[in-house]
Amino acid sequence: MLNADPAWKKQLLKKGAEVAAMLSALLDKKEVNLASLPPPKDPKEDPELRLRRWLDAIDRAIKAFGTEEYGRCAVCGEELDPRALADAPWLMNCTKHPPV
């Protein structure tokens, strides 16, 4: 089992709050800069959908944190690189199985 760094959970919670604030602002018809998120797979992706997708990914990682599921690829179950998790603790897939 991966030895998850407690700082990663703090990062997850912080990023979740950041994305939730962006979504709230967007729903309030305010200008929102999504530059802090990875680029969308489809340049025409709806910003609201993109933010909701990110919140879902962060929520899944928070729920999995501290379990055998956290830090393992959601497709093949292989342990994820701890350095990659340190950079993006919401990561759910290995490099062989990038998210769709």
Protein backbone atom coordinates (compact mmCIF):
# COMPACT_ATOMS: atom_id res chain seq x y z
CA MET A 1 0.00 0.00 0.00
CA LEU A 2 1.19 3.49 -0.86
CA ASN A 3 2.33 5.59 2.07
CA ALA A 4 0.16 8.65 1.32
CA ASP A 5 1.62 11.91 2.56
CA PRO A 6 -0.90 13.77 4.78
CA ALA A 7 0.11 16.97 2.94
CA TRP A 8 -1.50 15.49 -0.18
CA LYS A 9 -4.90 15.48 1.51
CA LYS A 10 -4.42 19.17 2.38
CA GLN A 11 -3.62 19.81 -1.30
CA LEU A 12 -6.75 17.90 -2.32
CA LEU A 13 -8.94 19.92 0.02
CA LYS A 14 -7.36 23.20 -1.09
CA LYS A 15 -7.77 22.39 -4.79
CA GLY A 16 -11.34 21.24 -4.17
CA ALA A 17 -12.17 24.55 -2.48
CA GLU A 18 -10.51 26.45 -5.34
CA VAL A 19 -12.46 24.58 -8.03
CA ALA A 20 -15.72 24.89 -6.05
CA ALA A 21 -15.18 28.66 -5.80
CA MET A 22 -14.56 28.83 -9.57
CA LEU A 23 -17.75 26.88 -10.24
CA SER A 24 -19.74 29.11 -7.90
CA ALA A 25 -18.40 32.24 -9.60
CA LEU A 26 -19.16 30.80 -13.03
CA LEU A 27 -22.72 29.97 -11.99
CA ASP A 28 -23.03 33.58 -10.73
CA LYS A 29 -22.13 34.67 -14.29
CA LYS A 30 -18.74 36.04 -13.21
CA GLU A 31 -15.58 35.85 -15.31
CA VAL A 32 -13.55 32.78 -14.32
CA ASN A 33 -9.95 32.01 -15.26
CA LEU A 34 -9.48 28.25 -15.67
CA ALA A 35 -5.73 28.50 -16.33
CA SER A 36 -4.90 26.71 -13.05
CA LEU A 37 -6.57 23.56 -14.40
CA PRO A 38 -5.00 21.26 -16.98
CA PRO A 39 -6.16 22.04 -20.51
CA PRO A 40 -9.43 20.45 -21.59
CA LYS A 41 -9.31 17.46 -23.91
CA ASP A 42 -11.85 19.21 -26.13
CA PRO A 43 -11.28 22.97 -26.60
CA LYS A 44 -15.06 23.38 -26.91
CA GLU A 45 -15.76 21.72 -23.56
CA ASP A 46 -18.31 23.66 -21.52
CA PRO A 47 -16.52 25.40 -18.59
CA GLU A 48 -19.23 24.35 -16.12
CA LEU A 49 -18.90 20.72 -17.17
CA ARG A 50 -15.12 20.95 -16.94
CA LEU A 51 -15.28 22.33 -13.39
CA ARG A 52 -17.85 19.74 -12.31
CA ARG A 53 -15.66 16.96 -13.76
CA TRP A 54 -12.68 18.28 -11.77
CA LEU A 55 -14.70 18.48 -8.57
CA ASP A 56 -15.81 14.88 -9.09
CA ALA A 57 -12.19 13.74 -9.59
CA ILE A 58 -11.03 15.59 -6.48
CA ASP A 59 -13.96 14.22 -4.47
CA ARG A 60 -13.14 10.64 -5.56
CA ALA A 61 -9.51 11.13 -4.50
CA ILE A 62 -10.54 12.56 -1.11
CA LYS A 63 -12.86 9.60 -0.48
CA ALA A 64 -10.15 7.12 -1.54
CA PHE A 65 -7.41 8.79 0.53
CA GLY A 66 -6.16 6.46 3.24
CA THR A 67 -7.62 3.36 1.58
CA GLU A 68 -5.97 0.70 -0.57
CA GLU A 69 -7.62 2.35 -3.59
CA TYR A 70 -5.75 5.65 -3.23
CA GLY A 71 -2.54 5.89 -5.21
CA ARG A 72 -3.48 3.05 -7.58
CA CYS A 73 -4.49 3.31 -11.22
CA ALA A 74 -8.28 3.11 -11.52
CA VAL A 75 -7.85 0.96 -14.66
CA CYS A 76 -5.03 -1.52 -13.98
CA GLY A 77 -4.49 -1.16 -10.21
CA GLU A 78 -0.78 -0.44 -10.57
CA GLU A 79 0.70 1.85 -7.92
CA LEU A 80 1.04 5.44 -9.10
CA ASP A 81 4.33 7.29 -8.93
CA PRO A 82 4.52 9.09 -5.55
CA ARG A 83 6.19 12.07 -7.24
CA ALA A 84 3.22 12.39 -9.60
CA LEU A 85 0.84 12.21 -6.63
CA ALA A 86 2.84 14.89 -4.82
CA ASP A 87 2.26 17.18 -7.82
CA ALA A 88 -1.36 16.13 -8.41
CA PRO A 89 -2.82 14.17 -5.48
CA TRP A 90 -6.12 13.82 -7.40
CA LEU A 91 -4.39 11.62 -9.97
CA MET A 92 -6.39 8.43 -10.57
CA ASN A 93 -4.70 6.84 -13.59
CA CYS A 94 -1.19 5.75 -14.50
CA THR A 95 0.59 7.03 -17.61
CA LYS A 96 -0.52 3.92 -19.53
CA HIS A 97 -4.20 4.75 -18.85
CA PRO A 98 -4.70 8.51 -19.11
CA PRO A 99 -8.19 9.75 -18.28
CA VAL A 100 -10.66 9.82 -21.16
